[in-house]
Amino acid sequence: MEDQPKRATKLAIRASLDGITDILGKNGAKIIFRSAGLLDVFENPPEYSWDPSITIPEQA
């Protein structure tokens, strides 16, 4: 189980995007996602599904 990459579902990414946008507005959300290196996710939000979306790398 430890050898498998960690993944985030499309639903989790979309819920995070929607929540951050509701709280901070569109410009604030764009800044957050750009700082996290996920500007592509902000510009092309995933649909609402349980399918895996992105692989989360281990943090050093």
PDB file of N, CA and C in Angstrom:
ATOM      1  N   MET A   1       0.817  -1.189   0.000  1.00  0.00           N
ATOM      2  CA  MET A   1       0.000   0.000   0.000  1.00  0.00           C
ATOM      3  C   MET A   1       0.865   1.259   0.000  1.00  0.00           C
ATOM      4  N   GLU A   2       2.035   1.202   0.634  1.00  0.00           N
ATOM      5  CA  GLU A   2       2.908   2.367   0.686  1.00  0.00           C
ATOM      6  C   GLU A   2       3.539   2.663  -0.673  1.00  0.00           C
ATOM      7  N   ASP A   3       3.629   1.663  -1.550  1.00  0.00           N
ATOM      8  CA  ASP A   3       4.251   1.855  -2.855  1.00  0.00           C
ATOM      9  C   ASP A   3       3.330   2.567  -3.845  1.00  0.00           C
ATOM     10  N   GLN A   4       2.028   2.590  -3.574  1.00  0.00           N
ATOM     11  CA  GLN A   4       1.092   3.214  -4.493  1.00  0.00           C
ATOM     12  C   GLN A   4       1.091   4.732  -4.297  1.00  0.00           C
ATOM     13  N   PRO A   5       0.998   5.488  -5.399  1.00  0.00           N
ATOM     14  CA  PRO A   5       0.975   6.949  -5.273  1.00  0.00           C
ATOM     15  C   PRO A   5      -0.329   7.414  -4.629  1.00  0.00           C
ATOM     16  N   LYS A   6      -0.243   8.515  -3.927  1.00  0.00           N
ATOM     17  CA  LYS A   6      -1.441   9.096  -3.330  1.00  0.00           C
ATOM     18  C   LYS A   6      -2.164   9.886  -4.408  1.00  0.00           C
ATOM     19  N   ARG A   7      -3.477   9.772  -4.437  1.00  0.00           N
ATOM     20  CA  ARG A   7      -4.258  10.440  -5.471  1.00  0.00           C
ATOM     21  C   ARG A   7      -5.400  11.227  -4.846  1.00  0.00           C
ATOM     22  N   ALA A   8      -5.782  12.275  -5.514  1.00  0.00           N
ATOM     23  CA  ALA A   8      -6.944  13.061  -5.120  1.00  0.00           C
ATOM     24  C   ALA A   8      -8.020  12.875  -6.188  1.00  0.00           C
ATOM     25  N   THR A   9      -9.265  12.686  -5.763  1.00  0.00           N
ATOM     26  CA  THR A   9     -10.341  12.510  -6.730  1.00  0.00           C
ATOM     27  C   THR A   9     -10.721  13.848  -7.349  1.00  0.00           C
ATOM     28  N   LYS A  10     -11.350  13.763  -8.500  1.00  0.00           N
ATOM     29  CA  LYS A  10     -11.813  14.976  -9.171  1.00  0.00           C
ATOM     30  C   LYS A  10     -12.801  15.731  -8.290  1.00  0.00           C
ATOM     31  N   LEU A  11     -13.626  14.984  -7.543  1.00  0.00           N
ATOM     32  CA  LEU A  11     -14.607  15.610  -6.663  1.00  0.00           C
ATOM     33  C   LEU A  11     -13.928  16.407  -5.554  1.00  0.00           C
ATOM     34  N   ALA A  12     -12.858  15.868  -4.971  1.00  0.00           N
ATOM     35  CA  ALA A  12     -12.138  16.578  -3.910  1.00  0.00           C
ATOM     36  C   ALA A  12     -11.481  17.845  -4.443  1.00  0.00           C
ATOM     37  N   ILE A  13     -10.890  17.768  -5.618  1.00  0.00           N
ATOM     38  CA  ILE A  13     -10.255  18.940  -6.223  1.00  0.00           C
ATOM     39  C   ILE A  13     -11.304  19.989  -6.555  1.00  0.00           C
ATOM     40  N   ARG A  14     -12.425  19.577  -7.128  1.00  0.00           N
ATOM     41  CA  ARG A  14     -13.481  20.530  -7.498  1.00  0.00           C
ATOM     42  C   ARG A  14     -14.114  21.165  -6.263  1.00  0.00           C
ATOM     43  N   ALA A  15     -14.330  20.384  -5.212  1.00  0.00           N
ATOM     44  CA  ALA A  15     -14.894  20.936  -3.979  1.00  0.00           C
ATOM     45  C   ALA A  15     -13.941  21.954  -3.357  1.00  0.00           C
ATOM     46  N   SER A  16     -12.648  21.661  -3.383  1.00  0.00           N
ATOM     47  CA  SER A  16     -11.654  22.614  -2.878  1.00  0.00           C
ATOM     48  C   SER A  16     -11.668  23.895  -3.698  1.00  0.00           C
ATOM     49  N   LEU A  17     -11.697  23.751  -5.003  1.00  0.00           N
ATOM     50  CA  LEU A  17     -11.730  24.915  -5.892  1.00  0.00           C
ATOM     51  C   LEU A  17     -12.982  25.751  -5.645  1.00  0.00           C
ATOM     52  N   ASP A  18     -14.133  25.104  -5.554  1.00  0.00           N
ATOM     53  CA  ASP A  18     -15.388  25.826  -5.329  1.00  0.00           C
ATOM     54  C   ASP A  18     -15.399  26.533  -3.978  1.00  0.00           C
ATOM     55  N   GLY A  19     -14.923  25.849  -2.934  1.00  0.00           N
ATOM     56  CA  GLY A  19     -14.897  26.438  -1.600  1.00  0.00           C
ATOM     57  C   GLY A  19     -13.966  27.632  -1.507  1.00  0.00           C
ATOM     58  N   ILE A  20     -12.772  27.489  -2.053  1.00  0.00           N
ATOM     59  CA  ILE A  20     -11.802  28.596  -2.027  1.00  0.00           C
ATOM     60  C   ILE A  20     -12.334  29.776  -2.838  1.00  0.00           C
ATOM     61  N   THR A  21     -12.961  29.502  -3.972  1.00  0.00           N
ATOM     62  CA  THR A  21     -13.517  30.572  -4.803  1.00  0.00           C
ATOM     63  C   THR A  21     -14.663  31.281  -4.084  1.00  0.00           C
ATOM     64  N   ASP A  22     -15.510  30.532  -3.376  1.00  0.00           N
ATOM     65  CA  ASP A  22     -16.609  31.146  -2.625  1.00  0.00           C
ATOM     66  C   ASP A  22     -16.095  32.066  -1.526  1.00  0.00           C
ATOM     67  N   ILE A  23     -15.016  31.673  -0.874  1.00  0.00           N
ATOM     68  CA  ILE A  23     -14.487  32.447   0.250  1.00  0.00           C
ATOM     69  C   ILE A  23     -13.632  33.619  -0.216  1.00  0.00           C
ATOM     70  N   LEU A  24     -12.710  33.373  -1.132  1.00  0.00           N
ATOM     71  CA  LEU A  24     -11.735  34.388  -1.533  1.00  0.00           C
ATOM     72  C   LEU A  24     -12.078  35.121  -2.823  1.00  0.00           C
ATOM     73  N   GLY A  25     -13.038  34.621  -3.559  1.00  0.00           N
ATOM     74  CA  GLY A  25     -13.336  35.198  -4.867  1.00  0.00           C
ATOM     75  C   GLY A  25     -12.443  34.580  -5.929  1.00  0.00           C
ATOM     76  N   LYS A  26     -12.724  34.918  -7.172  1.00  0.00           N
ATOM     77  CA  LYS A  26     -12.007  34.306  -8.291  1.00  0.00           C
ATOM     78  C   LYS A  26     -10.521  34.668  -8.289  1.00  0.00           C
ATOM     79  N   ASN A  27     -10.190  35.936  -8.031  1.00  0.00           N
ATOM     80  CA  ASN A  27      -8.781  36.344  -8.041  1.00  0.00           C
ATOM     81  C   ASN A  27      -8.000  35.701  -6.897  1.00  0.00           C
ATOM     82  N   GLY A  28      -8.608  35.621  -5.713  1.00  0.00           N
ATOM     83  CA  GLY A  28      -7.940  34.990  -4.578  1.00  0.00           C
ATOM     84  C   GLY A  28      -7.692  33.511  -4.821  1.00  0.00           C
ATOM     85  N   ALA A  29      -8.684  32.833  -5.393  1.00  0.00           N
ATOM     86  CA  ALA A  29      -8.528  31.410  -5.703  1.00  0.00           C
ATOM     87  C   ALA A  29      -7.432  31.198  -6.740  1.00  0.00           C
ATOM     88  N   LYS A  30      -7.372  32.086  -7.718  1.00  0.00           N
ATOM     89  CA  LYS A  30      -6.333  31.969  -8.753  1.00  0.00           C
ATOM     90  C   LYS A  30      -4.947  32.110  -8.133  1.00  0.00           C
ATOM     91  N   ILE A  31      -4.790  33.039  -7.194  1.00  0.00           N
ATOM     92  CA  ILE A  31      -3.502  33.220  -6.515  1.00  0.00           C
ATOM     93  C   ILE A  31      -3.129  31.969  -5.730  1.00  0.00           C
ATOM     94  N   ILE A  32      -4.085  31.400  -5.004  1.00  0.00           N
ATOM     95  CA  ILE A  32      -3.831  30.192  -4.206  1.00  0.00           C
ATOM     96  C   ILE A  32      -3.411  29.032  -5.106  1.00  0.00           C
ATOM     97  N   PHE A  33      -4.154  28.782  -6.164  1.00  0.00           N
ATOM     98  CA  PHE A  33      -3.844  27.653  -7.039  1.00  0.00           C
ATOM     99  C   PHE A  33      -2.550  27.881  -7.815  1.00  0.00           C
ATOM    100  N   ARG A  34      -2.257  29.120  -8.186  1.00  0.00           N
ATOM    101  CA  ARG A  34      -0.979  29.413  -8.853  1.00  0.00           C
ATOM    102  C   ARG A  34       0.178  29.156  -7.896  1.00  0.00           C
ATOM    103  N   SER A  35       0.040  29.583  -6.647  1.00  0.00           N
ATOM    104  CA  SER A  35       1.100  29.378  -5.651  1.00  0.00           C
ATOM    105  C   SER A  35       1.337  27.898  -5.375  1.00  0.00           C
ATOM    106  N   ALA A  36       0.281  27.101  -5.467  1.00  0.00           N
ATOM    107  CA  ALA A  36       0.395  25.660  -5.244  1.00  0.00           C
ATOM    108  C   ALA A  36       0.875  24.919  -6.488  1.00  0.00           C
ATOM    109  N   GLY A  37       1.064  25.635  -7.590  1.00  0.00           N
ATOM    110  CA  GLY A  37       1.496  24.992  -8.831  1.00  0.00           C
ATOM    111  C   GLY A  37       0.372  24.259  -9.536  1.00  0.00           C
ATOM    112  N   LEU A  38      -0.872  24.655  -9.260  1.00  0.00           N
ATOM    113  CA  LEU A  38      -2.031  23.986  -9.841  1.00  0.00           C
ATOM    114  C   LEU A  38      -2.895  24.947 -10.651  1.00  0.00           C
ATOM    115  N   LEU A  39      -2.265  25.894 -11.337  1.00  0.00           N
ATOM    116  CA  LEU A  39      -3.020  26.874 -12.115  1.00  0.00           C
ATOM    117  C   LEU A  39      -3.843  26.197 -13.206  1.00  0.00           C
ATOM    118  N   ASP A  40      -3.348  25.104 -13.772  1.00  0.00           N
ATOM    119  CA  ASP A  40      -4.092  24.376 -14.799  1.00  0.00           C
ATOM    120  C   ASP A  40      -5.414  23.836 -14.245  1.00  0.00           C
ATOM    121  N   VAL A  41      -5.410  23.401 -12.984  1.00  0.00           N
ATOM    122  CA  VAL A  41      -6.638  22.910 -12.351  1.00  0.00           C
ATOM    123  C   VAL A  41      -7.635  24.055 -12.197  1.00  0.00           C
ATOM    124  N   PHE A  42      -7.137  25.243 -11.844  1.00  0.00           N
ATOM    125  CA  PHE A  42      -8.017  26.406 -11.707  1.00  0.00           C
ATOM    126  C   PHE A  42      -8.630  26.788 -13.054  1.00  0.00           C
ATOM    127  N   GLU A  43      -7.818  26.803 -14.090  1.00  0.00           N
ATOM    128  CA  GLU A  43      -8.287  27.228 -15.408  1.00  0.00           C
ATOM    129  C   GLU A  43      -9.146  26.179 -16.104  1.00  0.00           C
ATOM    130  N   ASN A  44      -8.941  24.906 -15.781  1.00  0.00           N
ATOM    131  CA  ASN A  44      -9.713  23.798 -16.364  1.00  0.00           C
ATOM    132  C   ASN A  44     -10.218  22.905 -15.239  1.00  0.00           C
ATOM    133  N   PRO A  45     -11.236  23.349 -14.491  1.00  0.00           N
ATOM    134  CA  PRO A  45     -11.696  22.566 -13.344  1.00  0.00           C
ATOM    135  C   PRO A  45     -12.260  21.205 -13.770  1.00  0.00           C
ATOM    136  N   PRO A  46     -11.989  20.177 -12.973  1.00  0.00           N
ATOM    137  CA  PRO A  46     -12.502  18.842 -13.305  1.00  0.00           C
ATOM    138  C   PRO A  46     -14.003  18.748 -13.045  1.00  0.00           C
ATOM    139  N   GLU A  47     -14.642  17.768 -13.662  1.00  0.00           N
ATOM    140  CA  GLU A  47     -16.064  17.546 -13.423  1.00  0.00           C
ATOM    141  C   GLU A  47     -16.254  16.909 -12.042  1.00  0.00           C
ATOM    142  N   TYR A  48     -17.482  16.856 -11.605  1.00  0.00           N
ATOM    143  CA  TYR A  48     -17.800  16.253 -10.313  1.00  0.00           C
ATOM    144  C   TYR A  48     -17.886  14.740 -10.483  1.00  0.00           C
ATOM    145  N   SER A  49     -16.809  14.017 -10.153  1.00  0.00           N
ATOM    146  CA  SER A  49     -16.818  12.555 -10.217  1.00  0.00           C
ATOM    147  C   SER A  49     -15.805  12.007  -9.216  1.00  0.00           C
ATOM    148  N   TRP A  50     -15.897  10.716  -8.955  1.00  0.00           N
ATOM    149  CA  TRP A  50     -14.988  10.068  -7.998  1.00  0.00           C
ATOM    150  C   TRP A  50     -13.722   9.545  -8.662  1.00  0.00           C
ATOM    151  N   ASP A  51     -13.552   9.792  -9.945  1.00  0.00           N
ATOM    152  CA  ASP A  51     -12.363   9.324 -10.657  1.00  0.00           C
ATOM    153  C   ASP A  51     -11.113  10.029 -10.130  1.00  0.00           C
ATOM    154  N   PRO A  52      -9.972   9.336 -10.118  1.00  0.00           N
ATOM    155  CA  PRO A  52      -8.727   9.997  -9.699  1.00  0.00           C
ATOM    156  C   PRO A  52      -8.392  11.158 -10.627  1.00  0.00           C
ATOM    157  N   SER A  53      -7.889  12.229 -10.048  1.00  0.00           N
ATOM    158  CA  SER A  53      -7.589  13.418 -10.835  1.00  0.00           C
ATOM    159  C   SER A  53      -6.099  13.671 -10.927  1.00  0.00           C
ATOM    160  N   ILE A  54      -5.446  13.859  -9.796  1.00  0.00           N
ATOM    161  CA  ILE A  54      -4.016  14.158  -9.789  1.00  0.00           C
ATOM    162  C   ILE A  54      -3.317  13.271  -8.779  1.00  0.00           C
ATOM    163  N   THR A  55      -2.059  13.033  -9.017  1.00  0.00           N
ATOM    164  CA  THR A  55      -1.226  12.298  -8.075  1.00  0.00           C
ATOM    165  C   THR A  55      -0.539  13.302  -7.173  1.00  0.00           C
ATOM    166  N   ILE A  56      -0.581  13.048  -5.887  1.00  0.00           N
ATOM    167  CA  ILE A  56       0.018  13.952  -4.917  1.00  0.00           C
ATOM    168  C   ILE A  56       1.420  13.447  -4.585  1.00  0.00           C
ATOM    169  N   PRO A  57       2.462  14.226  -4.928  1.00  0.00           N
ATOM    170  CA  PRO A  57       3.828  13.789  -4.620  1.00  0.00           C
ATOM    171  C   PRO A  57       4.107  13.867  -3.125  1.00  0.00           C
ATOM    172  N   GLU A  58       5.008  13.022  -2.672  1.00  0.00           N
ATOM    173  CA  GLU A  58       5.430  13.075  -1.268  1.00  0.00           C
ATOM    174  C   GLU A  58       6.167  14.374  -1.015  1.00  0.00           C
ATOM    175  N   GLN A  59       5.905  14.994   0.110  1.00  0.00           N
ATOM    176  CA  GLN A  59       6.600  16.232   0.452  1.00  0.00           C
ATOM    177  C   GLN A  59       7.853  15.907   1.236  1.00  0.00           C
ATOM    178  N   ALA A  60       8.924  16.627   0.945  1.00  0.00           N
ATOM    179  CA  ALA A  60      10.202  16.393   1.617  1.00  0.00           C
ATOM    180  C   ALA A  60      10.214  17.023   2.985  1.00  0.00           C
TER     181      ALA A  60
END
